Amino acid sequence: MNYSMIRYILFRLFRIMGFLLMLPFFVAIIHKEYDSAESFFLLIVITLVVGILGSVKKPKSTVIYAKEGFAITALAWIFMSMLGAVPFVMTGTIPNYIDALFETISGFTTTGGSILTSVDGIEYSVQFWRTFTHWIGGMGVLVFLIAVIPMVDGYSMHLMRAESPGPVVGKIVPKVKDTAKILYQIYIAITLLEIICLIITGMPIYDAVTITFSTVGTGGFSVNNAGIGGYSIASQVVITVFMALCGVNFTVYYFLINRKPKEAFAVDEVKYYFATMFIAACLISINVYKAGIITDGMLSFHHSLFAVTSVMTTTGFGTLDFDKWPMFSKMILCLLSLVGACAGSTGGGFKFSRAIIVIRNARNELNYLVHPKSVKRVYMDGHTVEGTTVKSVSAYLGLYVVTFMVSCVLVALDNFDFQTTVTSVAATINNIGPGLGMVGPMGNYSEFSVLSKLVLMFDMLAGRLELLPILIFMNPKTWEK
């Protein structure tokens, strides 16, 4: 284990956090929130000083193998969350540190579940930081680190693989650093485009920026109690479009930018993603319309598509309280939340690529039982999926199920109703935010015990990092020399 390299990268992360905290500091100055500005400034100074002093000496060995990559990723997200919670406590927005940590982890992991019973009246700078955590966590802070800091390219891939969502992470260009830069350029371009589109629809500039952070990061924090339902239909349409776009593998956009439409449209995952989204929206729209909940057909489809897109991309926004919809609609939404978005996107969940691999592998196993001499392979995008990838997806599914069950048992100690208990775990481990019951679109996590909050925080981190970094970090053998 290269401890000196772990130390070096973590202190470099502190420096980056110091610079990121400057944005809410400037927002506080603009809106004359001087007490909050003082808190942000103090934190900026501390993080920069600690980060600079801790990373002055570069390690002799810059070698990072897989276990260092997983350990650094887990530690980075834990320290980042612990540090990011401090502004909430210092400004008095969330005095309890555990609650502040829950809110911050929910932000960075783009879960969007909140312990706040009301967000109206929170200072502009704090709201900005709260939604900005979604944007930071959406693409991943270590991907940003790779993009801006010189590192040994062959070893930095271990960091990118540990942080990026999906069963397979590869380089879209020869160098990992250049790959990270391209991903962030696309990410920033989509962010700016949505801000402009929302301003055109009449949304105030501050709201457009903060809501975009939540949308592009597929997080779900809103800046007022009315949520997205308080904005115009035009704004809701724009948000729907960008939620859907940010649930797509960003590699597809690279292909489109470089005029490679065949490669872009050959991705099986994206085809199934949009087809499922449209079919589910139609089914729910019909169900909600026939139930008399929404009497206008077009509005029924609009709100259904918004809910489906929000749940599939694990954003967690809501225009209406879908917890009051018929059971058929709620069941579809629950199933979609488990699958999630595409690999390589900012969305969470099990991922469509994994679901496709699991289904096709199961089909092959059934065919093998009927025809033992036949040789079947799992294909995606016209290529054979390697056996190691199929094996890792199966292992991930097993770990996912075990983590889900253990979490449900622990959260059940709070003695809440079944749907609240189960969907709270599902909503956090899949980084969705809202579930059903007490944690529905209009609910929150404030009533959960400290133990349950700790379990759900673990689930949020495990879900965002896709289990392995957190579980490997917790394994004592990882830290053996």
Protein backbone atom coordinates (compact mmCIF):
# COMPACT_ATOMS: atom_id res chain seq x y z
CA MET A 1 0.00 0.00 0.00
CA ASN A 2 1.47 3.33 -1.09
CA TYR A 3 0.47 5.43 1.94
CA SER A 4 2.50 8.46 0.87
CA MET A 5 0.62 8.65 -2.45
CA ILE A 6 -2.72 8.33 -0.65
CA ARG A 7 -1.72 11.21 1.63
CA TYR A 8 -0.54 13.31 -1.30
CA ILE A 9 -3.74 12.93 -3.34
CA LEU A 10 -6.00 13.57 -0.34
CA PHE A 11 -4.18 16.81 0.48
CA ARG A 12 -4.41 17.86 -3.16
CA LEU A 13 -8.13 17.23 -2.84
CA PHE A 14 -8.21 19.65 0.11
CA ARG A 15 -6.73 22.32 -2.13
CA ILE A 16 -9.39 21.73 -4.77
CA MET A 17 -12.13 21.90 -2.14
CA GLY A 18 -10.71 25.23 -0.99
CA PHE A 19 -11.05 26.66 -4.50
CA LEU A 20 -14.55 25.19 -4.96
CA LEU A 21 -15.71 26.84 -1.71
CA MET A 22 -14.82 30.22 -3.21
CA LEU A 23 -17.96 30.15 -5.37
CA PRO A 24 -20.47 30.16 -2.47
CA PHE A 25 -18.21 32.74 -0.75
CA PHE A 26 -18.64 35.12 -3.70
CA VAL A 27 -22.40 34.42 -3.73
CA ALA A 28 -22.50 35.40 -0.04
CA ILE A 29 -20.67 38.66 -0.82
CA ILE A 30 -23.01 39.47 -3.73
CA HIS A 31 -26.10 38.92 -1.58
CA LYS A 32 -24.54 40.71 1.43
CA GLU A 33 -24.64 37.60 3.63
CA TYR A 34 -21.52 38.66 5.51
CA ASP A 35 -21.77 36.19 8.39
CA SER A 36 -21.94 33.31 5.94
CA ALA A 37 -19.17 34.89 3.86
CA GLU A 38 -16.97 34.93 6.96
CA SER A 39 -17.68 31.24 7.59
CA PHE A 40 -16.88 30.29 4.01
CA PHE A 41 -13.73 32.43 4.01
CA LEU A 42 -12.42 30.82 7.20
CA LEU A 43 -13.02 27.36 5.77
CA ILE A 44 -11.34 28.31 2.49
CA VAL A 45 -8.22 29.49 4.32
CA ILE A 46 -8.05 26.35 6.47
CA THR A 47 -8.49 23.93 3.56
CA LEU A 48 -5.99 25.72 1.34
CA VAL A 49 -3.34 25.99 4.07
CA VAL A 50 -3.77 22.34 5.11
CA GLY A 51 -3.86 21.21 1.49
CA ILE A 52 -0.75 23.16 0.46
CA LEU A 53 1.31 22.16 3.50
CA GLY A 54 0.28 18.52 3.20
CA SER A 55 1.08 18.23 -0.51
CA VAL A 56 4.32 20.19 -0.69
CA LYS A 57 6.40 17.03 -0.56
CA LYS A 58 5.69 14.79 -3.53
CA PRO A 59 5.98 11.04 -2.87
CA LYS A 60 9.05 9.23 -4.19
CA SER A 61 6.82 6.55 -5.62
CA THR A 62 3.71 7.63 -7.55
CA VAL A 63 2.60 4.08 -8.26
CA ILE A 64 -1.11 3.44 -7.70
CA TYR A 65 -2.53 -0.03 -8.12
CA ALA A 66 -6.18 -1.10 -7.91
CA LYS A 67 -6.34 -1.33 -4.11
CA GLU A 68 -4.82 2.15 -3.70
CA GLY A 69 -7.30 3.46 -6.25
CA PHE A 70 -10.26 2.05 -4.34
CA ALA A 71 -8.90 3.22 -0.97
CA ILE A 72 -8.18 6.74 -2.22
CA THR A 73 -11.63 7.00 -3.79
CA ALA A 74 -13.43 5.90 -0.61
CA LEU A 75 -11.32 8.17 1.61
CA ALA A 76 -11.68 11.11 -0.76
CA TRP A 77 -15.47 10.93 -0.73
CA ILE A 78 -15.60 10.48 3.06
CA PHE A 79 -13.26 13.43 3.77
CA MET A 80 -14.92 15.54 1.10
CA SER A 81 -18.31 14.95 2.71
CA MET A 82 -17.02 15.61 6.23
CA LEU A 83 -15.50 18.88 5.06
CA GLY A 84 -18.49 19.86 2.95
CA ALA A 85 -20.82 19.53 5.93
CA VAL A 86 -18.96 22.21 7.92
CA PRO A 87 -20.55 25.24 6.13
CA PHE A 88 -24.04 24.03 7.10
CA VAL A 89 -23.00 23.90 10.77
CA MET A 90 -20.97 27.13 10.76
CA THR A 91 -23.81 29.13 9.17
CA GLY A 92 -26.37 27.63 11.55
CA THR A 93 -28.45 26.20 8.68
CA ILE A 94 -28.11 22.66 10.09
CA PRO A 95 -26.68 22.88 13.64
CA ASN A 96 -26.49 19.10 14.14
CA TYR A 97 -23.34 17.75 12.45
CA ILE A 98 -24.82 14.29 11.73
CA ASP A 99 -27.75 15.92 9.95
CA ALA A 100 -25.36 18.25 8.11
CA LEU A 101 -23.25 15.27 7.09
CA PHE A 102 -26.36 13.45 5.83
CA GLU A 103 -27.31 16.48 3.73
CA THR A 104 -23.79 16.80 2.35
CA ILE A 105 -23.36 13.12 1.49
CA SER A 106 -26.78 13.26 -0.14
CA GLY A 107 -25.52 16.23 -2.15
CA PHE A 108 -22.15 14.85 -3.25
CA THR A 109 -23.56 11.42 -4.08
CA THR A 110 -26.33 13.18 -6.07
CA THR A 111 -28.98 11.39 -3.99
CA GLY A 112 -31.03 14.46 -3.15
CA GLY A 113 -32.68 13.08 0.01
CA SER A 114 -32.92 15.81 2.63
CA ILE A 115 -33.33 16.11 6.40
CA LEU A 116 -34.60 19.68 5.99
CA THR A 117 -38.32 20.13 6.53
CA SER A 118 -38.23 23.47 4.71
CA VAL A 119 -35.73 25.06 2.32
CA ASP A 120 -37.49 28.42 2.06
CA GLY A 121 -35.54 31.15 3.85
CA ILE A 122 -32.14 29.46 3.63
CA GLU A 123 -29.45 31.96 2.63
CA TYR A 124 -28.51 32.18 -1.04
CA SER A 125 -24.88 31.18 -0.45
CA VAL A 126 -25.83 28.08 1.54
CA GLN A 127 -28.43 27.06 -1.03
CA PHE A 128 -25.81 27.57 -3.72
CA TRP A 129 -23.34 25.32 -1.90
CA ARG A 130 -26.06 22.74 -1.26
CA THR A 131 -26.91 22.41 -4.96
CA PHE A 132 -23.29 22.86 -6.07
CA THR A 133 -22.41 19.65 -4.19
CA HIS A 134 -24.59 17.84 -6.77
CA TRP A 135 -22.59 19.32 -9.63
CA ILE A 136 -19.26 18.46 -7.99
CA GLY A 137 -20.32 14.89 -7.25
CA GLY A 138 -22.06 14.32 -10.58
CA MET A 139 -18.95 13.81 -12.67
CA GLY A 140 -16.74 13.01 -9.69
CA VAL A 141 -14.15 15.09 -7.89
CA LEU A 142 -11.35 12.61 -8.62
CA VAL A 143 -12.07 12.81 -12.35
CA PHE A 144 -11.62 16.57 -11.94
CA LEU A 145 -8.42 15.93 -9.97
CA ILE A 146 -7.05 13.78 -12.81
CA ALA A 147 -7.97 16.49 -15.33
CA VAL A 148 -6.11 19.32 -13.58
CA ILE A 149 -3.21 17.64 -11.74
CA PRO A 150 -0.24 15.96 -13.45
CA MET A 151 -0.20 12.27 -12.54
CA VAL A 152 1.28 9.07 -13.90
CA ASP A 153 -1.26 8.31 -16.61
CA GLY A 154 -1.07 4.53 -16.39
CA TYR A 155 -1.89 4.55 -12.71
CA SER A 156 -4.52 7.33 -12.65
CA MET A 157 -6.84 4.97 -14.53
CA HIS A 158 -7.31 3.07 -11.26
CA LEU A 159 -8.78 6.23 -9.70
CA MET A 160 -11.10 6.81 -12.63
CA ARG A 161 -12.33 3.22 -12.64
CA ALA A 162 -12.97 3.32 -8.89
CA GLU A 163 -15.05 6.50 -9.09
CA SER A 164 -16.83 6.27 -12.44
CA PRO A 165 -20.20 4.46 -12.52
CA GLY A 166 -20.67 1.37 -14.66
CA PRO A 167 -19.31 -2.13 -15.15
CA VAL A 168 -16.65 -1.07 -17.66
CA VAL A 169 -14.66 2.17 -17.71
CA GLY A 170 -12.29 2.82 -20.56
CA LYS A 171 -10.33 5.65 -22.11
CA ILE A 172 -12.03 7.48 -24.96
CA VAL A 173 -8.61 8.89 -25.94
CA PRO A 174 -5.15 7.35 -25.29
CA LYS A 175 -4.38 9.40 -22.15
CA VAL A 176 -6.53 9.21 -19.00
CA LYS A 177 -5.88 12.90 -18.27
CA ASP A 178 -7.21 13.87 -21.69
CA THR A 179 -10.23 11.59 -21.19
CA ALA A 180 -11.02 13.36 -17.91
CA LYS A 181 -10.69 16.77 -19.58
CA ILE A 182 -13.03 15.79 -22.40
CA LEU A 183 -15.64 14.48 -19.96
CA TYR A 184 -15.54 17.72 -17.97
CA GLN A 185 -15.70 19.85 -21.09
CA ILE A 186 -18.87 18.03 -22.15
CA TYR A 187 -20.22 18.32 -18.58
CA ILE A 188 -19.60 22.08 -18.44
CA ALA A 189 -21.07 22.60 -21.93
CA ILE A 190 -24.30 20.79 -20.97
CA THR A 191 -24.44 22.84 -17.75
CA LEU A 192 -24.11 26.17 -19.55
CA LEU A 193 -26.64 25.14 -22.19
CA GLU A 194 -29.28 24.26 -19.61
CA ILE A 195 -28.73 27.50 -17.68
CA ILE A 196 -29.33 29.47 -20.88
CA CYS A 197 -32.44 27.43 -21.77
CA LEU A 198 -33.95 27.88 -18.30
CA ILE A 199 -33.33 31.64 -18.36
CA ILE A 200 -35.07 31.80 -21.76
CA THR A 201 -38.13 30.09 -20.22
CA GLY A 202 -38.33 32.92 -17.66
CA MET A 203 -36.65 31.28 -14.67
CA PRO A 204 -34.64 33.71 -12.47
CA ILE A 205 -30.86 33.51 -13.03
CA TYR A 206 -30.07 32.27 -9.51
CA ASP A 207 -32.73 29.56 -9.75
CA ALA A 208 -31.57 28.62 -13.25
CA VAL A 209 -27.99 28.10 -12.03
CA THR A 210 -28.85 26.14 -8.89
CA ILE A 211 -31.53 24.00 -10.53
CA THR A 212 -29.10 23.24 -13.34
CA PHE A 213 -26.53 22.04 -10.80
CA SER A 214 -29.14 19.64 -9.45
CA THR A 215 -30.32 18.56 -12.91
CA VAL A 216 -26.97 18.00 -14.61
CA GLY A 217 -25.63 16.28 -11.50
CA THR A 218 -28.90 14.27 -11.40
CA GLY A 219 -29.22 15.20 -7.73
CA GLY A 220 -32.61 16.70 -7.01
CA PHE A 221 -32.08 19.45 -4.43
CA SER A 222 -34.45 22.35 -5.02
CA VAL A 223 -34.20 25.90 -3.68
CA ASN A 224 -37.82 26.35 -2.59
CA ASN A 225 -40.55 24.27 -0.99
CA ALA A 226 -42.65 24.27 -4.17
CA GLY A 227 -39.87 22.36 -5.95
CA ILE A 228 -39.99 22.06 -9.73
CA GLY A 229 -43.78 22.18 -9.61
CA GLY A 230 -43.49 25.90 -8.86
CA TYR A 231 -41.93 26.68 -12.25
CA SER A 232 -43.55 26.98 -15.66
CA ILE A 233 -44.36 24.03 -17.91
CA ALA A 234 -41.66 25.27 -20.31
CA SER A 235 -39.05 25.13 -17.54
CA GLN A 236 -40.22 21.66 -16.56
CA VAL A 237 -39.84 20.49 -20.17
CA VAL A 238 -36.28 21.83 -20.30
CA ILE A 239 -35.44 20.06 -17.02
CA THR A 240 -36.98 16.82 -18.34
CA VAL A 241 -34.83 16.97 -21.47
CA PHE A 242 -31.61 17.64 -19.58
CA MET A 243 -32.33 14.97 -16.95
CA ALA A 244 -32.70 12.47 -19.79
CA LEU A 245 -29.52 13.70 -21.50
CA CYS A 246 -27.47 13.46 -18.31
CA GLY A 247 -28.61 9.87 -17.80
CA VAL A 248 -26.83 8.90 -21.04
CA ASN A 249 -23.25 7.61 -21.16
CA PHE A 250 -21.12 10.69 -21.82
CA THR A 251 -19.00 8.70 -24.27
CA VAL A 252 -21.97 8.88 -26.68
CA TYR A 253 -21.62 12.67 -26.76
CA TYR A 254 -17.93 12.35 -27.51
CA PHE A 255 -18.79 10.19 -30.53
CA LEU A 256 -21.41 12.68 -31.72
CA ILE A 257 -19.05 15.65 -31.31
CA ASN A 258 -16.41 13.83 -33.33
CA ARG A 259 -18.92 12.92 -36.05
CA LYS A 260 -19.08 9.24 -35.30
CA PRO A 261 -22.85 8.67 -35.32
CA LYS A 262 -22.53 4.94 -36.04
CA GLU A 263 -20.60 4.39 -32.80
CA ALA A 264 -22.99 6.64 -30.86
CA PHE A 265 -26.22 5.01 -32.06
CA ALA A 266 -24.79 1.49 -31.85
CA VAL A 267 -24.83 1.58 -28.04
CA ASP A 268 -27.48 -0.95 -26.92
CA GLU A 269 -27.80 0.58 -23.48
CA VAL A 270 -28.91 3.96 -24.81
CA LYS A 271 -31.54 2.38 -27.07
CA TYR A 272 -33.09 0.43 -24.19
CA TYR A 273 -32.80 3.47 -21.92
CA PHE A 274 -34.89 5.76 -24.11
CA ALA A 275 -37.30 3.02 -25.19
CA THR A 276 -38.00 2.10 -21.56
CA MET A 277 -38.42 5.76 -20.65
CA PHE A 278 -41.03 6.34 -23.37
CA ILE A 279 -42.99 3.10 -22.77
CA ALA A 280 -43.07 3.62 -18.99
CA ALA A 281 -44.23 7.23 -19.40
CA CYS A 282 -47.06 6.12 -21.71
CA LEU A 283 -48.23 3.37 -19.32
CA ILE A 284 -48.18 5.66 -16.28
CA SER A 285 -49.85 8.47 -18.22
CA ILE A 286 -52.76 6.20 -19.18
CA ASN A 287 -53.01 4.84 -15.63
CA VAL A 288 -52.99 8.28 -13.99
CA TYR A 289 -55.45 9.66 -16.56
CA LYS A 290 -57.93 6.79 -16.12
CA ALA A 291 -57.66 7.11 -12.35
CA GLY A 292 -58.85 10.71 -12.68
CA ILE A 293 -55.77 12.16 -10.96
CA ILE A 294 -54.89 14.27 -14.01
CA THR A 295 -57.84 14.91 -16.32
CA ASP A 296 -55.88 16.50 -19.18
CA GLY A 297 -54.20 13.93 -21.47
CA MET A 298 -51.23 16.09 -22.46
CA LEU A 299 -50.58 17.15 -18.87
CA SER A 300 -50.86 13.54 -17.79
CA PHE A 301 -48.11 12.54 -20.24
CA HIS A 302 -46.00 15.57 -19.30
CA HIS A 303 -46.03 14.83 -15.56
CA SER A 304 -45.64 11.08 -16.15
CA LEU A 305 -42.63 11.60 -18.41
CA PHE A 306 -41.11 13.99 -15.89
CA ALA A 307 -41.57 11.48 -13.05
CA VAL A 308 -40.19 8.58 -15.12
CA THR A 309 -37.17 10.58 -16.27
CA SER A 310 -36.55 11.87 -12.76
CA VAL A 311 -36.67 8.38 -11.26
CA MET A 312 -34.74 6.62 -14.04
CA THR A 313 -31.93 9.16 -13.95
CA THR A 314 -32.11 9.08 -10.12
CA THR A 315 -32.50 12.88 -10.06
CA GLY A 316 -35.45 12.84 -7.69
CA PHE A 317 -37.22 16.02 -8.81
CA GLY A 318 -41.01 16.08 -8.68
CA THR A 319 -43.72 18.19 -10.24
CA LEU A 320 -46.47 16.23 -8.47
CA ASP A 321 -46.58 13.87 -5.49
CA PHE A 322 -46.39 10.49 -7.25
CA ASP A 323 -46.85 8.80 -3.87
CA LYS A 324 -50.57 9.55 -4.39
CA TRP A 325 -50.69 7.87 -7.80
CA PRO A 326 -52.21 4.40 -8.38
CA MET A 327 -50.19 1.37 -7.23
CA PHE A 328 -49.52 0.34 -10.85
CA SER A 329 -47.75 3.62 -11.53
CA LYS A 330 -45.84 3.54 -8.25
CA MET A 331 -44.69 -0.03 -8.93
CA ILE A 332 -43.32 0.94 -12.35
CA LEU A 333 -41.47 3.87 -10.82
CA CYS A 334 -40.02 1.64 -8.09
CA LEU A 335 -38.75 -0.88 -10.64
CA LEU A 336 -37.26 1.87 -12.79
CA SER A 337 -35.49 3.32 -9.76
CA LEU A 338 -33.70 0.02 -9.20
CA VAL A 339 -32.37 -0.08 -12.76
CA GLY A 340 -31.33 3.57 -12.90
CA ALA A 341 -29.53 5.30 -15.75
CA CYS A 342 -26.74 4.40 -18.17
CA ALA A 343 -23.18 3.56 -17.21
CA GLY A 344 -20.80 6.49 -17.56
CA SER A 345 -23.55 9.02 -16.82
CA THR A 346 -24.14 11.15 -13.73
CA GLY A 347 -27.13 8.96 -12.80
CA GLY A 348 -27.18 6.22 -10.18
CA GLY A 349 -28.90 2.85 -9.84
CA PHE A 350 -27.91 -0.63 -10.96
CA LYS A 351 -27.33 0.71 -14.52
CA PHE A 352 -28.95 -0.41 -17.76
CA SER A 353 -25.73 -2.00 -19.01
CA ARG A 354 -25.58 -4.31 -15.99
CA ALA A 355 -29.26 -5.18 -16.34
CA ILE A 356 -28.73 -6.07 -20.02
CA ILE A 357 -25.72 -8.24 -19.18
CA VAL A 358 -27.60 -10.02 -16.36
CA ILE A 359 -30.65 -10.71 -18.54
CA ARG A 360 -28.63 -11.91 -21.55
CA ASN A 361 -26.41 -14.09 -19.37
CA ALA A 362 -29.48 -15.62 -17.70
CA ARG A 363 -30.96 -16.33 -21.15
CA ASN A 364 -27.74 -18.06 -22.17
CA GLU A 365 -27.77 -20.18 -19.01
CA LEU A 366 -31.35 -21.29 -19.75
CA ASN A 367 -30.39 -22.17 -23.32
CA TYR A 368 -27.38 -24.10 -22.03
CA LEU A 369 -29.64 -26.26 -19.85
CA VAL A 370 -31.67 -27.17 -22.94
CA HIS A 371 -28.66 -27.50 -25.26
CA PRO A 372 -25.61 -28.42 -23.09
CA LYS A 373 -23.24 -28.56 -26.06
CA SER A 374 -24.09 -25.11 -27.33
CA VAL A 375 -21.66 -22.21 -26.76
CA LYS A 376 -23.37 -18.90 -26.10
CA ARG A 377 -21.74 -15.54 -25.46
CA VAL A 378 -23.09 -12.30 -24.06
CA TYR A 379 -23.06 -9.52 -26.63
CA MET A 380 -23.38 -5.75 -26.22
CA ASP A 381 -23.03 -3.11 -28.94
CA GLY A 382 -22.14 -5.87 -31.40
CA HIS A 383 -19.15 -7.02 -29.36
CA THR A 384 -18.61 -9.97 -27.03
CA VAL A 385 -18.67 -9.07 -23.34
CA GLU A 386 -15.61 -10.51 -21.62
CA GLY A 387 -16.16 -13.28 -19.10
CA THR A 388 -14.50 -11.22 -16.37
CA THR A 389 -17.04 -8.45 -16.91
CA VAL A 390 -19.97 -10.87 -16.72
CA LYS A 391 -18.48 -12.33 -13.54
CA SER A 392 -17.99 -8.91 -11.96
CA VAL A 393 -21.58 -7.90 -12.79
CA SER A 394 -22.88 -11.08 -11.12
CA ALA A 395 -20.70 -10.39 -8.07
CA TYR A 396 -21.96 -6.80 -7.96
CA LEU A 397 -25.56 -8.01 -8.05
CA GLY A 398 -24.88 -10.32 -5.11
CA LEU A 399 -23.20 -7.58 -3.05
CA TYR A 400 -26.00 -5.18 -3.97
CA VAL A 401 -28.71 -7.56 -2.74
CA VAL A 402 -26.87 -8.36 0.51
CA THR A 403 -26.21 -4.66 1.25
CA PHE A 404 -29.84 -3.85 0.51
CA MET A 405 -31.19 -6.55 2.83
CA VAL A 406 -28.86 -5.76 5.73
CA SER A 407 -29.67 -2.05 5.44
CA CYS A 408 -33.42 -2.75 5.46
CA VAL A 409 -33.08 -4.82 8.64
CA LEU A 410 -31.11 -2.08 10.42
CA VAL A 411 -33.43 0.75 9.31
CA ALA A 412 -36.42 -1.39 10.40
CA LEU A 413 -35.32 -0.79 14.01
CA ASP A 414 -36.98 2.63 13.69
CA ASN A 415 -40.30 0.77 13.37
CA PHE A 416 -41.62 2.82 10.46
CA ASP A 417 -44.07 1.33 7.94
CA PHE A 418 -42.86 -1.20 5.36
CA GLN A 419 -42.87 1.05 2.31
CA THR A 420 -41.00 3.82 4.15
CA THR A 421 -38.36 1.37 5.41
CA VAL A 422 -37.77 -0.43 2.12
CA THR A 423 -37.98 2.57 -0.21
CA SER A 424 -35.74 4.71 2.01
CA VAL A 425 -32.98 2.12 1.54
CA ALA A 426 -33.75 1.75 -2.17
CA ALA A 427 -33.78 5.54 -2.62
CA THR A 428 -30.39 5.99 -0.93
CA ILE A 429 -28.48 3.01 -2.32
CA ASN A 430 -29.69 3.94 -5.82
CA ASN A 431 -29.02 7.67 -5.17
CA ILE A 432 -32.59 8.67 -6.04
CA GLY A 433 -33.59 10.68 -2.96
CA PRO A 434 -37.37 10.36 -2.69
CA GLY A 435 -39.06 7.05 -2.00
CA LEU A 436 -42.58 6.37 -0.77
CA GLY A 437 -44.37 6.97 2.49
CA MET A 438 -42.50 9.28 4.87
CA VAL A 439 -39.70 9.74 2.32
CA GLY A 440 -42.00 10.43 -0.64
CA PRO A 441 -41.51 13.39 -3.00
CA MET A 442 -43.02 15.73 -0.41
CA GLY A 443 -41.37 14.04 2.60
CA ASN A 444 -37.89 13.97 4.13
CA TYR A 445 -35.50 11.93 6.30
CA SER A 446 -35.59 14.13 9.41
CA GLU A 447 -37.49 11.60 11.58
CA PHE A 448 -34.97 8.77 11.19
CA SER A 449 -32.74 7.83 14.12
CA VAL A 450 -28.99 8.49 14.15
CA LEU A 451 -28.33 4.79 13.46
CA SER A 452 -30.64 4.78 10.44
CA LYS A 453 -29.09 7.99 9.13
CA LEU A 454 -25.62 6.44 9.41
CA VAL A 455 -26.83 3.33 7.56
CA LEU A 456 -28.43 5.44 4.84
CA MET A 457 -25.30 7.60 4.55
CA PHE A 458 -23.29 4.41 4.03
CA ASP A 459 -25.81 3.32 1.40
CA MET A 460 -25.53 6.65 -0.43
CA LEU A 461 -21.73 6.44 -0.58
CA ALA A 462 -21.78 2.74 -1.46
CA GLY A 463 -24.36 3.37 -4.19
CA ARG A 464 -22.50 6.30 -5.75
CA LEU A 465 -19.16 4.46 -5.69
CA GLU A 466 -20.86 1.22 -6.71
CA LEU A 467 -20.06 -0.75 -3.54
CA LEU A 468 -16.53 -1.97 -4.26
CA PRO A 469 -14.45 1.07 -3.14
CA ILE A 470 -16.30 1.32 0.17
CA LEU A 471 -16.25 -2.44 0.84
CA ILE A 472 -12.57 -2.75 -0.13
CA PHE A 473 -11.77 0.27 2.05
CA MET A 474 -13.45 -1.48 5.01
CA ASN A 475 -11.50 -4.72 4.43
CA PRO A 476 -8.52 -4.91 6.89
CA LYS A 477 -6.48 -6.86 4.31
CA THR A 478 -6.50 -3.80 2.05
CA TRP A 479 -4.26 -1.95 4.49
CA GLU A 480 -1.70 -4.70 4.93
CA LYS A 481 1.78 -3.85 3.64
